[in-house]
């Protein structure tokens, strides 16, 4: 299964932001894109499990 995650740069806060409409609750930020991508890799499966448990 594929999930779409959007990464954007917030120049005012100097952070990268990750958000996904496909994964409810996924809103993360990080100082570098690589670090943020790593956080998403860990958080996404956990959020998907939590969201499926609520149904």
C-alpha atoms as a PDB file:
ATOM      1  CA  UNK A   1       0.000   0.000   0.000  1.00  0.00           C
ATOM      2  CA  UNK A   2       1.220   3.507  -0.780  1.00  0.00           C
ATOM      3  CA  UNK A   3       0.774   6.641   1.299  1.00  0.00           C
ATOM      4  CA  UNK A   4       1.489  10.184   0.217  1.00  0.00           C
ATOM      5  CA  UNK A   5       3.521  12.407   2.541  1.00  0.00           C
ATOM      6  CA  UNK A   6       4.166  16.064   1.731  1.00  0.00           C
ATOM      7  CA  UNK A   7       7.392  17.728   2.855  1.00  0.00           C
ATOM      8  CA  UNK A   8       7.602  21.508   2.937  1.00  0.00           C
ATOM      9  CA  UNK A   9      10.195  23.989   4.139  1.00  0.00           C
ATOM     10  CA  UNK A  10       9.021  26.627   6.640  1.00  0.00           C
ATOM     11  CA  UNK A  11      11.540  29.430   6.170  1.00  0.00           C
ATOM     12  CA  UNK A  12      10.111  31.459   9.044  1.00  0.00           C
ATOM     13  CA  UNK A  13      10.679  28.661  11.572  1.00  0.00           C
ATOM     14  CA  UNK A  14      13.663  27.163   9.677  1.00  0.00           C
ATOM     15  CA  UNK A  15      12.249  23.635   9.807  1.00  0.00           C
ATOM     16  CA  UNK A  16      11.001  20.970   7.428  1.00  0.00           C
ATOM     17  CA  UNK A  17       7.387  19.866   7.933  1.00  0.00           C
ATOM     18  CA  UNK A  18       5.871  16.516   6.976  1.00  0.00           C
ATOM     19  CA  UNK A  19       2.104  16.083   6.658  1.00  0.00           C
ATOM     20  CA  UNK A  20      -0.139  13.425   5.189  1.00  0.00           C
ATOM     21  CA  UNK A  21      -3.848  13.288   4.405  1.00  0.00           C
ATOM     22  CA  UNK A  22      -3.446   9.510   4.032  1.00  0.00           C
ATOM     23  CA  UNK A  23      -2.113   9.032   7.579  1.00  0.00           C
ATOM     24  CA  UNK A  24      -4.286  10.842  10.141  1.00  0.00           C
ATOM     25  CA  UNK A  25      -2.214  12.520  12.826  1.00  0.00           C
ATOM     26  CA  UNK A  26       1.012  12.640  10.848  1.00  0.00           C
ATOM     27  CA  UNK A  27       2.400  16.132  11.350  1.00  0.00           C
ATOM     28  CA  UNK A  28       6.111  16.231  12.120  1.00  0.00           C
ATOM     29  CA  UNK A  29       8.917  18.747  11.851  1.00  0.00           C
ATOM     30  CA  UNK A  30      12.678  18.487  11.724  1.00  0.00           C
ATOM     31  CA  UNK A  31      15.763  20.588  11.231  1.00  0.00           C
ATOM     32  CA  UNK A  32      16.937  18.577   8.232  1.00  0.00           C
ATOM     33  CA  UNK A  33      15.064  16.731   5.519  1.00  0.00           C
ATOM     34  CA  UNK A  34      17.000  13.508   6.160  1.00  0.00           C
ATOM     35  CA  UNK A  35      16.196  13.550   9.877  1.00  0.00           C
ATOM     36  CA  UNK A  36      12.546  14.270   9.170  1.00  0.00           C
ATOM     37  CA  UNK A  37      12.284  11.435   6.654  1.00  0.00           C
ATOM     38  CA  UNK A  38      13.699   9.076   9.271  1.00  0.00           C
ATOM     39  CA  UNK A  39      11.106  10.252  11.810  1.00  0.00           C
ATOM     40  CA  UNK A  40       8.334   9.673   9.269  1.00  0.00           C
ATOM     41  CA  UNK A  41       9.602   6.120   8.643  1.00  0.00           C
ATOM     42  CA  UNK A  42       9.129   5.326  12.330  1.00  0.00           C
ATOM     43  CA  UNK A  43       5.974   7.331  13.019  1.00  0.00           C
ATOM     44  CA  UNK A  44       3.887   6.346   9.979  1.00  0.00           C
ATOM     45  CA  UNK A  45       3.486   2.632  10.802  1.00  0.00           C
ATOM     46  CA  UNK A  46       2.683   3.427  14.426  1.00  0.00           C
ATOM     47  CA  UNK A  47       0.036   5.966  13.438  1.00  0.00           C
ATOM     48  CA  UNK A  48      -1.483   3.566  10.910  1.00  0.00           C
ATOM     49  CA  UNK A  49      -1.734   0.892  13.636  1.00  0.00           C
ATOM     50  CA  UNK A  50      -3.284   3.330  16.089  1.00  0.00           C
ATOM     51  CA  UNK A  51      -5.785   4.596  13.527  1.00  0.00           C
ATOM     52  CA  UNK A  52      -6.842   1.066  12.519  1.00  0.00           C
ATOM     53  CA  UNK A  53      -7.311   0.116  16.201  1.00  0.00           C
ATOM     54  CA  UNK A  54      -9.792   2.995  16.623  1.00  0.00           C
ATOM     55  CA  UNK A  55     -12.121   1.636  13.927  1.00  0.00           C
END
